[in-house]
Protein backbone atom coordinates (compact mmCIF):
# COMPACT_ATOMS: atom_id res chain seq x y z
CA UNK A 1 -9.60 -1.67 29.09
CA UNK A 2 -11.66 -3.07 26.00
CA UNK A 3 -9.81 -2.06 23.11
CA UNK A 4 -11.33 -2.31 19.68
CA UNK A 5 -9.40 -1.96 16.34
CA UNK A 6 -11.10 -1.73 13.10
CA UNK A 7 -9.60 -1.91 9.19
CA UNK A 8 -12.22 -0.40 6.76
CA UNK A 9 -13.21 -1.93 4.02
CA UNK A 10 -10.86 -0.87 0.94
CA UNK A 11 -12.45 0.06 -2.56
CA UNK A 12 -11.69 -2.33 -5.34
CA UNK A 13 -10.26 -1.38 -8.59
CA UNK A 14 -11.72 -2.56 -12.10
CA UNK A 15 -9.88 -5.77 -12.08
CA UNK A 16 -9.85 -6.84 -8.77
CA UNK A 17 -12.26 -9.38 -7.28
CA UNK A 18 -12.66 -10.10 -3.70
CA UNK A 19 -9.49 -12.44 -3.76
CA UNK A 20 -7.97 -8.88 -3.36
CA UNK A 21 -9.70 -8.19 -0.13
CA UNK A 22 -8.69 -11.69 1.46
CA UNK A 23 -5.48 -11.56 0.39
CA UNK A 24 -3.64 -11.14 3.50
CA UNK A 25 -4.55 -9.47 7.25
CA UNK A 26 -3.94 -6.62 8.64
CA UNK A 27 -0.48 -6.20 9.79
CA UNK A 28 -0.68 -2.71 11.28
CA UNK A 29 -3.69 -3.47 13.56
CA UNK A 30 -2.24 -6.74 14.85
CA UNK A 31 1.13 -4.93 16.00
CA UNK A 32 -1.27 -2.51 17.74
CA UNK A 33 -2.95 -5.71 19.23
CA UNK A 34 0.23 -7.32 20.34
CA UNK A 35 1.62 -4.05 22.11
CA UNK A 36 -1.55 -3.67 24.29
CA UNK A 37 -2.98 -6.88 25.16
CA UNK A 38 -1.19 -7.96 28.15
CA UNK A 39 -2.76 -4.82 29.82
CA UNK A 40 -5.93 -4.64 27.90
CA UNK A 41 -8.80 -6.49 26.00
CA UNK A 42 -8.05 -6.37 22.17
CA UNK A 43 -10.43 -7.55 19.53
CA UNK A 44 -9.56 -6.59 15.98
CA UNK A 45 -12.38 -6.39 12.95
CA UNK A 46 -11.52 -6.35 9.29
CA UNK A 47 -14.40 -5.01 6.95
CA UNK A 48 -12.75 -6.64 3.97
CA UNK A 49 -13.62 -10.13 5.18
CA UNK A 50 -16.67 -9.59 7.34
CA UNK A 51 -19.18 -6.89 8.74
CA UNK A 52 -17.91 -4.97 11.59
CA UNK A 53 -20.24 -4.76 14.71
CA UNK A 54 -21.24 -1.32 15.21
CA UNK A 55 -23.29 -1.83 17.95
CA UNK A 56 -20.55 -2.97 20.91
CA UNK A 57 -19.47 -0.73 23.42
CA UNK A 58 -15.60 -0.90 23.81
CA UNK A 59 -13.50 1.67 25.74
CA UNK A 60 -11.99 2.91 23.00
CA UNK A 61 -12.10 2.25 19.14
CA UNK A 62 -8.73 2.60 17.30
CA UNK A 63 -9.21 2.77 12.99
CA UNK A 64 -6.41 2.30 10.80
CA UNK A 65 -6.70 4.45 7.74
CA UNK A 66 -5.21 4.82 4.37
CA UNK A 67 -6.44 7.71 1.92
CA UNK A 68 -8.82 5.77 0.02
CA UNK A 69 -10.79 4.34 3.07
CA UNK A 70 -10.97 7.90 4.96
CA UNK A 71 -14.21 8.47 4.34
CA UNK A 72 -15.62 5.14 5.71
CA UNK A 73 -13.50 5.39 8.86
CA UNK A 74 -15.27 8.78 9.36
CA UNK A 75 -18.39 6.70 8.90
CA UNK A 76 -17.24 4.44 11.64
CA UNK A 77 -16.04 6.94 13.94
CA UNK A 78 -19.24 8.57 13.85
CA UNK A 79 -20.97 5.66 14.79
CA UNK A 80 -19.07 5.28 18.01
CA UNK A 81 -18.50 8.83 19.30
CA UNK A 82 -22.17 9.44 18.83
CA UNK A 83 -22.30 7.02 22.06
CA UNK A 84 -19.72 8.69 23.77
CA UNK A 85 -16.98 6.11 22.82
CA UNK A 86 -13.48 7.79 21.59
CA UNK A 87 -12.07 6.84 18.60
CA UNK A 88 -8.00 7.10 17.73
CA UNK A 89 -7.11 7.09 13.64
CA UNK A 90 -3.97 6.14 13.12
CA UNK A 91 -2.20 4.81 9.68
CA UNK A 92 -0.39 5.63 6.78
CA UNK A 93 -2.42 8.45 5.66
CA UNK A 94 -2.96 9.80 9.13
CA UNK A 95 1.36 9.78 9.52
CA UNK A 96 2.03 11.47 6.32
CA UNK A 97 -1.04 13.99 6.07
CA UNK A 98 -2.63 14.51 9.41
CA UNK A 99 -3.72 17.89 8.61
CA UNK A 100 -6.04 16.42 5.76
CA UNK A 101 -8.09 14.92 8.31
CA UNK A 102 -11.10 16.67 9.30
CA UNK A 103 -10.38 18.26 12.66
CA UNK A 104 -14.06 16.89 14.25
CA UNK A 105 -13.86 13.22 12.53
CA UNK A 106 -12.03 11.83 15.51
CA UNK A 107 -11.04 12.14 19.27
CA UNK A 108 -7.54 11.58 18.73
CA UNK A 109 -5.12 10.75 15.68
CA UNK A 110 -2.05 8.80 15.92
CA UNK A 111 0.87 10.05 13.99
CA UNK A 112 3.91 7.83 13.46
CA UNK A 113 4.65 4.31 14.87
CA UNK A 114 2.16 2.53 17.26
CA UNK A 115 5.04 1.64 19.44
CA UNK A 116 5.66 5.21 19.97
CA UNK A 117 2.15 6.55 20.37
CA UNK A 118 -0.31 3.77 21.72
CA UNK A 119 0.94 3.38 25.43
CA UNK A 120 0.65 7.14 26.08
CA UNK A 121 -2.99 7.29 24.53
CA UNK A 122 -3.86 4.46 26.83
CA UNK A 123 -2.32 6.11 29.92
CA UNK A 124 -3.70 9.41 29.03
CA UNK A 125 -7.46 7.54 28.67
CA UNK A 126 -7.16 6.00 31.93
CA UNK A 127 -6.69 9.53 33.06
CA UNK A 128 -9.72 11.01 31.45
CA UNK A 129 -7.03 13.25 29.67
CA UNK A 130 -7.04 12.11 25.79
CA UNK A 131 -5.18 14.86 23.49
CA UNK A 132 -6.26 15.49 20.02
CA UNK A 133 -2.42 14.25 18.58
CA UNK A 134 -0.06 11.93 19.41
CA UNK A 135 3.66 12.12 17.83
CA UNK A 136 5.90 9.24 17.86
CA UNK A 137 8.99 10.97 19.64
CA UNK A 138 12.32 10.32 18.84
CA UNK A 139 14.13 8.21 16.45
CA UNK A 140 12.63 4.16 16.14
CA UNK A 141 15.16 1.93 16.33
CA UNK A 142 14.68 -1.61 14.61
CA UNK A 143 14.54 -3.41 18.39
CA UNK A 144 11.48 -0.97 19.19
CA UNK A 145 9.50 -2.37 16.60
CA UNK A 146 6.64 -4.94 17.92
CA UNK A 147 6.24 -8.08 16.33
CA UNK A 148 2.43 -8.73 15.22
CA UNK A 149 -0.11 -10.67 17.67
CA UNK A 150 -0.02 -14.00 15.14
CA UNK A 151 -2.30 -16.02 17.19
CA UNK A 152 -5.09 -13.59 16.67
CA UNK A 153 -5.88 -14.28 12.97
CA UNK A 154 -8.46 -16.45 11.77
CA UNK A 155 -6.27 -17.73 9.06
CA UNK A 156 -9.42 -19.17 7.17
CA UNK A 157 -10.47 -15.74 6.08
CA UNK A 158 -7.30 -15.55 4.09
CA UNK A 159 -5.38 -16.81 1.33
CA UNK A 160 -1.77 -16.12 2.68
CA UNK A 161 -0.49 -15.68 6.25
CA UNK A 162 3.07 -16.21 5.88
CA UNK A 163 3.56 -12.64 5.61
CA UNK A 164 6.95 -11.25 7.33
CA UNK A 165 8.29 -7.55 7.51
CA UNK A 166 12.15 -7.13 7.67
CA UNK A 167 12.11 -3.11 8.16
CA UNK A 168 9.87 -0.24 7.87
CA UNK A 169 10.22 2.42 5.53
CA UNK A 170 12.33 2.94 2.28
CA UNK A 171 15.70 4.79 1.86
CA UNK A 172 14.46 6.24 -1.26
CA UNK A 173 12.15 9.76 -1.70
CA UNK A 174 10.27 9.10 -4.98
CA UNK A 175 7.90 12.17 -5.27
CA UNK A 176 4.57 9.85 -5.63
CA UNK A 177 5.78 7.60 -2.57
CA UNK A 178 4.26 8.23 0.88
CA UNK A 179 8.00 7.80 1.84
CA UNK A 180 8.58 11.21 0.50
CA UNK A 181 6.48 12.49 3.51
CA UNK A 182 8.81 13.94 6.37
CA UNK A 183 7.27 11.35 8.84
CA UNK A 184 8.82 8.53 7.28
CA UNK A 185 12.17 6.75 8.40
CA UNK A 186 14.09 3.76 7.17
CA UNK A 187 14.90 0.99 9.46
CA UNK A 188 15.71 -2.47 9.59
CA UNK A 189 14.74 -4.86 12.36
CA UNK A 190 17.04 -7.09 14.64
CA UNK A 191 17.57 -10.42 12.31
CA UNK A 192 16.64 -12.69 15.71
CA UNK A 193 13.32 -10.69 15.44
CA UNK A 194 12.93 -11.74 11.79
CA UNK A 195 13.45 -15.33 12.36
CA UNK A 196 11.43 -15.69 15.06
CA UNK A 197 8.07 -14.30 12.98
CA UNK A 198 9.29 -16.46 10.30
CA UNK A 199 9.18 -19.55 12.63
CA UNK A 200 5.58 -18.27 14.25
CA UNK A 201 4.21 -18.51 10.62
CA UNK A 202 4.49 -22.21 10.52
CA UNK A 203 5.81 -22.00 7.13
CA UNK A 204 8.70 -22.27 5.03
CA UNK A 205 7.36 -20.24 2.13
CA UNK A 206 7.50 -16.21 3.30
CA UNK A 207 6.33 -13.01 1.89
CA UNK A 208 8.77 -10.53 2.76
CA UNK A 209 6.34 -6.97 2.50
CA UNK A 210 8.96 -4.57 3.28
CA UNK A 211 8.80 -1.49 0.68
CA UNK A 212 12.70 -2.23 -0.26
CA UNK A 213 13.85 -5.53 1.15
CA UNK A 214 17.33 -4.44 0.38
CA UNK A 215 16.87 -1.05 1.17
CA UNK A 216 20.35 -1.79 3.41
CA UNK A 217 22.81 -4.13 1.21
CA UNK A 218 24.97 -5.06 4.27
CA UNK A 219 22.06 -6.00 6.38
CA UNK A 220 20.29 -8.07 3.59
CA UNK A 221 23.56 -10.12 3.05
CA UNK A 222 23.73 -10.86 6.68
CA UNK A 223 20.33 -11.83 6.81
CA UNK A 224 20.47 -13.93 3.45
CA UNK A 225 23.59 -15.65 4.83
CA UNK A 226 21.43 -16.28 7.98
CA UNK A 227 18.29 -17.90 6.43
CA UNK A 228 20.67 -19.58 3.53
CA UNK A 229 20.78 -23.19 5.58
CA UNK A 230 16.96 -23.03 6.62
CA UNK A 231 15.47 -24.24 3.12
CA UNK A 232 12.93 -21.27 2.69
CA UNK A 233 11.37 -20.15 -0.33
CA UNK A 234 10.71 -16.50 -0.17
CA UNK A 235 9.34 -13.57 -2.17
CA UNK A 236 10.23 -9.71 -1.66
CA UNK A 237 9.97 -6.23 -3.01
CA UNK A 238 13.34 -4.35 -4.02
CA UNK A 239 14.45 -1.19 -6.21
CA UNK A 240 15.65 -2.27 -9.38
CA UNK A 241 19.38 -1.38 -8.52
CA UNK A 242 19.59 -4.30 -6.41
CA UNK A 243 19.83 -6.35 -9.68
CA UNK A 244 23.08 -4.18 -10.53
CA UNK A 245 24.77 -6.41 -7.70
CA UNK A 246 25.17 -9.79 -9.08
CA UNK A 247 26.63 -11.32 -6.11
CA UNK A 248 23.57 -9.95 -3.78
CA UNK A 249 21.25 -11.79 -6.73
CA UNK A 250 23.23 -14.60 -6.35
CA UNK A 251 22.46 -14.74 -2.28
CA UNK A 252 18.94 -14.16 -3.15
CA UNK A 253 18.66 -17.19 -5.42
CA UNK A 254 20.99 -19.36 -3.14
CA UNK A 255 18.60 -18.29 -0.20
CA UNK A 256 15.38 -19.19 -1.97
CA UNK A 257 14.04 -16.43 -3.61
CA UNK A 258 11.46 -17.20 -5.97
CA UNK A 259 10.39 -13.96 -7.22
CA UNK A 260 10.92 -10.09 -6.77
CA UNK A 261 8.26 -7.43 -7.45
CA UNK A 262 10.37 -4.18 -8.82
CA UNK A 263 8.90 -0.79 -9.35
CA UNK A 264 10.08 -0.18 -13.06
CA UNK A 265 7.33 2.85 -12.99
CA UNK A 266 8.03 3.64 -16.61
CA UNK A 267 10.23 2.48 -19.75
CA UNK A 268 10.67 6.25 -20.58
CA UNK A 269 13.46 8.36 -18.72
CA UNK A 270 11.59 11.40 -19.08
CA UNK A 271 8.88 10.37 -16.76
CA UNK A 272 11.20 8.71 -14.24
CA UNK A 273 13.04 12.09 -14.02
CA UNK A 274 9.69 13.39 -13.32
CA UNK A 275 9.22 12.18 -9.97
CA UNK A 276 13.03 12.09 -8.87
CA UNK A 277 13.18 8.38 -8.96
CA UNK A 278 16.95 8.39 -9.87
CA UNK A 279 18.14 5.03 -8.92
CA UNK A 280 16.12 3.80 -11.98
CA UNK A 281 18.18 4.07 -14.96
CA UNK A 282 16.18 2.97 -17.77
CA UNK A 283 19.12 2.01 -19.84
CA UNK A 284 19.72 -0.95 -17.79
CA UNK A 285 16.27 -2.30 -17.47
CA UNK A 286 16.77 -5.10 -20.19
CA UNK A 287 20.26 -6.27 -18.58
CA UNK A 288 18.44 -6.21 -14.84
CA UNK A 289 15.90 -8.51 -15.82
CA UNK A 290 18.20 -10.51 -17.89
CA UNK A 291 20.39 -10.81 -14.68
CA UNK A 292 17.46 -11.80 -12.37
CA UNK A 293 15.74 -14.36 -14.81
CA UNK A 294 19.00 -16.13 -15.51
CA UNK A 295 18.86 -16.83 -11.75
CA UNK A 296 15.47 -18.61 -11.96
CA UNK A 297 13.84 -15.59 -10.06
CA UNK A 298 10.57 -14.59 -11.62
CA UNK A 299 9.50 -10.44 -11.66
CA UNK A 300 6.36 -8.67 -10.66
CA UNK A 301 6.97 -5.35 -12.49
CA UNK A 302 5.05 -2.53 -11.28
CA UNK A 303 4.25 0.70 -13.67
CA UNK A 304 2.67 3.78 -13.26
CA UNK A 305 0.74 5.93 -16.00
CA UNK A 306 0.24 9.33 -16.02
CA UNK A 307 3.69 10.67 -15.67
CA UNK A 308 4.68 14.09 -16.80
CA UNK A 309 6.59 12.21 -19.58
CA UNK A 310 3.73 9.63 -20.30
CA UNK A 311 1.57 10.59 -23.74
CA UNK A 312 -1.13 7.82 -25.07
CA UNK A 313 1.79 5.87 -26.92
CA UNK A 314 3.46 5.06 -23.55
CA UNK A 315 0.86 2.37 -23.15
CA UNK A 316 1.55 0.28 -26.16
CA UNK A 317 5.25 0.67 -25.91
CA UNK A 318 5.14 -0.26 -22.29
CA UNK A 319 3.04 -3.72 -23.53
CA UNK A 320 5.80 -4.48 -26.08
CA UNK A 321 8.69 -4.01 -23.58
CA UNK A 322 6.80 -5.98 -21.19
CA UNK A 323 5.94 -8.99 -23.53
CA UNK A 324 9.38 -8.75 -24.99
CA UNK A 325 10.92 -9.35 -21.59
CA UNK A 326 8.75 -11.78 -20.65
CA UNK A 327 8.02 -10.31 -17.41
CA UNK A 328 5.85 -12.76 -15.50
CA UNK A 329 3.28 -10.75 -13.78
CA UNK A 330 2.56 -7.26 -14.12
CA UNK A 331 0.69 -4.27 -11.58
CA UNK A 332 -0.29 -1.25 -13.05
CA UNK A 333 -1.46 2.12 -11.43
CA UNK A 334 -2.76 5.32 -12.49
CA UNK A 335 -0.27 7.83 -10.69
CA UNK A 336 -2.11 9.13 -7.66
CA UNK A 337 -0.98 12.17 -5.93
CA UNK A 338 -1.14 10.96 -2.39
CA UNK A 339 -1.91 13.72 0.32
CA UNK A 340 1.82 14.73 2.06
CA UNK A 341 3.53 13.62 -0.51
CA UNK A 342 5.74 15.53 -2.74
CA UNK A 343 3.95 14.65 -5.62
CA UNK A 344 0.59 15.97 -3.93
CA UNK A 345 2.24 19.27 -2.90
CA UNK A 346 3.41 19.91 -6.58
CA UNK A 347 -0.06 19.03 -8.18
CA UNK A 348 -1.96 21.24 -5.86
CA UNK A 349 0.23 24.21 -6.65
CA UNK A 350 0.17 23.70 -9.88
CA UNK A 351 -3.86 23.34 -9.82
CA UNK A 352 -4.27 20.02 -11.19
CA UNK A 353 -6.14 18.26 -8.83
CA UNK A 354 -9.37 17.46 -10.03
CA UNK A 355 -11.36 16.12 -7.19
CA UNK A 356 -10.93 16.05 -3.49
CA UNK A 357 -12.82 12.77 -2.93
CA UNK A 358 -10.33 10.93 -0.92
CA UNK A 359 -12.23 7.63 -2.04
CA UNK A 360 -11.12 7.56 -5.20
CA UNK A 361 -7.04 7.91 -4.59
CA UNK A 362 -6.77 4.14 -5.01
CA UNK A 363 -4.40 4.15 -8.12
CA UNK A 364 -7.39 3.45 -10.19
CA UNK A 365 -9.03 6.61 -10.70
CA UNK A 366 -7.68 9.73 -12.43
CA UNK A 367 -7.71 12.70 -9.92
CA UNK A 368 -5.44 14.83 -11.38
CA UNK A 369 -5.00 16.43 -14.75
CA UNK A 370 -2.20 14.89 -17.06
CA UNK A 371 0.19 16.48 -18.98
CA UNK A 372 0.70 14.51 -22.03
CA UNK A 373 -3.01 13.16 -22.36
CA UNK A 374 -6.64 13.32 -21.68
CA UNK A 375 -7.83 12.09 -18.10
CA UNK A 376 -9.99 9.76 -20.15
CA UNK A 377 -7.08 8.92 -22.47
CA UNK A 378 -5.36 7.73 -19.17
CA UNK A 379 -7.98 5.81 -17.68
CA UNK A 380 -8.87 4.22 -20.91
CA UNK A 381 -5.23 3.15 -21.48
CA UNK A 382 -5.14 1.94 -17.92
CA UNK A 383 -8.03 -0.48 -18.60
CA UNK A 384 -6.68 -1.37 -21.95
CA UNK A 385 -2.95 -2.20 -20.57
CA UNK A 386 -4.76 -5.12 -18.02
CA UNK A 387 -6.79 -6.32 -20.70
CA UNK A 388 -3.98 -6.92 -23.04
CA UNK A 389 -1.30 -8.32 -20.18
CA UNK A 390 -3.70 -10.85 -19.28
CA UNK A 391 -5.11 -11.65 -22.59
CA UNK A 392 -4.82 -15.35 -23.70
CA UNK A 393 -2.19 -14.55 -26.64
CA UNK A 394 0.19 -12.21 -24.00
CA UNK A 395 -0.05 -14.67 -21.47
CA UNK A 396 1.18 -17.17 -23.69
CA UNK A 397 3.81 -14.94 -25.24
CA UNK A 398 5.16 -14.24 -21.65
CA UNK A 399 5.57 -17.73 -20.63
CA UNK A 400 8.92 -18.23 -18.49
CA UNK A 401 11.86 -19.85 -20.49
CA UNK A 402 12.41 -21.72 -17.32
CA UNK A 403 10.02 -24.77 -17.19
CA UNK A 404 10.19 -24.90 -13.22
CA UNK A 405 8.36 -21.50 -13.14
CA UNK A 406 5.54 -22.25 -15.36
CA UNK A 407 3.01 -23.40 -12.87
CA UNK A 408 3.39 -20.85 -10.91
CA UNK A 409 3.37 -18.26 -13.74
CA UNK A 410 -0.02 -19.59 -15.18
CA UNK A 411 -1.57 -20.19 -11.69
CA UNK A 412 -1.12 -16.41 -11.24
CA UNK A 413 -1.83 -15.16 -14.58
CA UNK A 414 -5.24 -17.46 -15.09
CA UNK A 415 -6.59 -18.03 -11.88
CA UNK A 416 -5.65 -14.66 -10.08
CA UNK A 417 -6.12 -12.31 -12.75
CA UNK A 418 -8.06 -13.49 -15.96
CA UNK A 419 -10.23 -16.07 -14.23
CA UNK A 420 -10.32 -14.48 -10.79
CA UNK A 421 -13.99 -14.27 -10.68
CA UNK A 422 -14.20 -17.90 -10.71
CA UNK A 423 -11.47 -18.64 -8.17
CA UNK A 424 -13.14 -16.24 -5.88
CA UNK A 425 -16.27 -18.44 -6.19
CA UNK A 426 -14.12 -21.52 -5.49
CA UNK A 427 -12.42 -19.73 -2.33
CA UNK A 428 -15.96 -19.13 -1.19
CA UNK A 429 -16.93 -22.39 -1.43
CA UNK A 430 -13.89 -24.30 -0.22
CA UNK A 431 -12.25 -22.02 1.88
CA UNK A 432 -9.69 -19.21 1.23
CA UNK A 433 -7.05 -20.67 3.33
CA UNK A 434 -7.36 -24.14 1.58
CA UNK A 435 -7.16 -22.64 -1.83
CA UNK A 436 -4.23 -20.69 -1.10
CA UNK A 437 -2.43 -23.58 0.45
CA UNK A 438 -3.04 -25.47 -2.76
CA UNK A 439 -1.65 -22.72 -4.91
CA UNK A 440 1.58 -22.78 -2.95
CA UNK A 441 1.92 -26.60 -2.97
CA UNK A 442 0.99 -26.48 -6.90
CA UNK A 443 3.39 -23.85 -7.76
CA UNK A 444 6.04 -24.02 -5.06
CA UNK A 445 6.97 -20.23 -6.33
CA UNK A 446 5.05 -17.17 -5.36
CA UNK A 447 4.22 -14.51 -7.28
CA UNK A 448 1.80 -12.49 -5.12
CA UNK A 449 3.86 -10.47 -3.34
CA UNK A 450 2.97 -7.05 -4.35
CA UNK A 451 -0.87 -8.07 -3.96
CA UNK A 452 -0.29 -8.20 -0.71
CA UNK A 453 1.70 -5.40 -0.19
CA UNK A 454 -0.91 -3.18 -1.85
CA UNK A 455 -3.10 -3.65 1.04
CA UNK A 456 -1.13 -0.57 2.10
CA UNK A 457 0.51 -2.60 4.32
CA UNK A 458 -2.41 -3.53 6.28
CA UNK A 459 -0.59 -7.14 6.82
CA UNK A 460 -0.17 -9.80 9.18
CA UNK A 461 1.59 -13.30 9.04
CA UNK A 462 -0.42 -15.78 11.11
CA UNK A 463 0.10 -19.11 12.06
CA UNK A 464 -1.40 -22.39 10.59
CA UNK A 465 -4.87 -22.98 11.40
CA UNK A 466 -4.84 -26.80 10.75
CA UNK A 467 -7.08 -26.74 7.73
CA UNK A 468 -5.71 -28.03 4.15
CA UNK A 469 -2.25 -29.53 3.36
CA UNK A 470 0.03 -30.27 5.89
CA UNK A 471 2.90 -27.41 6.57
CA UNK A 472 6.20 -28.12 6.50
CA UNK A 473 7.91 -28.41 9.37
CA UNK A 474 8.63 -25.28 11.60
CA UNK A 475 12.11 -23.78 11.84
CA UNK A 476 14.22 -25.11 14.86
CA UNK A 477 14.59 -23.09 18.12
CA UNK A 478 18.38 -23.16 17.39
CA UNK A 479 17.84 -20.98 14.14
CA UNK A 480 16.31 -18.12 16.16
CA UNK A 481 19.26 -18.63 18.85
CA UNK A 482 22.07 -18.54 16.44
CA UNK A 483 21.10 -14.86 15.41
CA UNK A 484 21.41 -13.71 18.91
């Protein structure tokens, strides 16, 4: 059968340029493609990097849905279903909050992992007996996870194609996170499978896009010991409690870690307590930053504004802390109660939701009534934070003490954030892949892992396209065999 998979276009935030849209390919859809392509003809179209052809006639269409693209996904589905072509919706929003999806929008919903649902979907389609809902049965094991179809990506469309995942989910259940939904579980992949994916990227610089790279410390230590001799440079996201493990930080440094994305969320313990993120101890933040920086690792700090302990003074206090601790890059969000999360249920019960327009649920709009400030104060403060963090004055004040980090730091702060519009025009002229590789060569350390992760897991590690600088030699086959 002819299967078409679609990634709807995401809505850019005020500080974003098209660089955001071209950051990395859609991992989830490429996993479905890898799962099905032995028996079916599969195509993938990403509306973030080009138009979707709505005039073709596949046998079935699959659409990846995050909350903010649901309205666009419904439009795409309507176009196909009007011609009798069945449409299946899946992805993180459908898995977390299937009951919020309009009953008549799609022919079927895929709830949970593609590996546990899509084979059944295709079997039922062949019998003409497609059901309304498919749910992954049983517990997913790491060995059940299918590697994405690396060879199906047009690498020229993306800044970074060296993206790999070592796990799914997170062991923590913070109220505002999708992982607080009942359908989400945490599982690590077999190390040999991760090594095979690294080798398939054809690169020695890897962005690990896990929700929590160090969620299972024993697995992480074993993995880092395995890659230590391979000469990789890598970036990942970890929870702040990883910084309380000096031996783990040493191993990260020795195995090639160059930057860590960390969800600080807030410097106020009352705000942290309001979303039950107990493993974040604000009194330890300064020491944690010191320990990470002491090992030559940069930090991309994530902050959420609008938590129940926040006031208008929170923005200035947070900025001062960021500058004082020289946090190299910063990702800010307006608190957003995603449907299906614990936070959404609480906001709904308290009557604090301001809109049901899900296209606004992208962490750049105020969709609820905050406790400690007005919606206008929250939005204005959010924009102020970005302007101030990436002002010339504060870029210079946050300059890393370690000289070897400064090139990458300046590349990200100036060419991605402050002058991203210029860089995007340059990418359109010379090609996104070429500029991405050039940035890697110039900087050698990367601080963009969070930008890839912010795509909602819609990422995929592709091979080398042949354009731009020559890649490093691939990992030896023995590195994969030794992990068996």
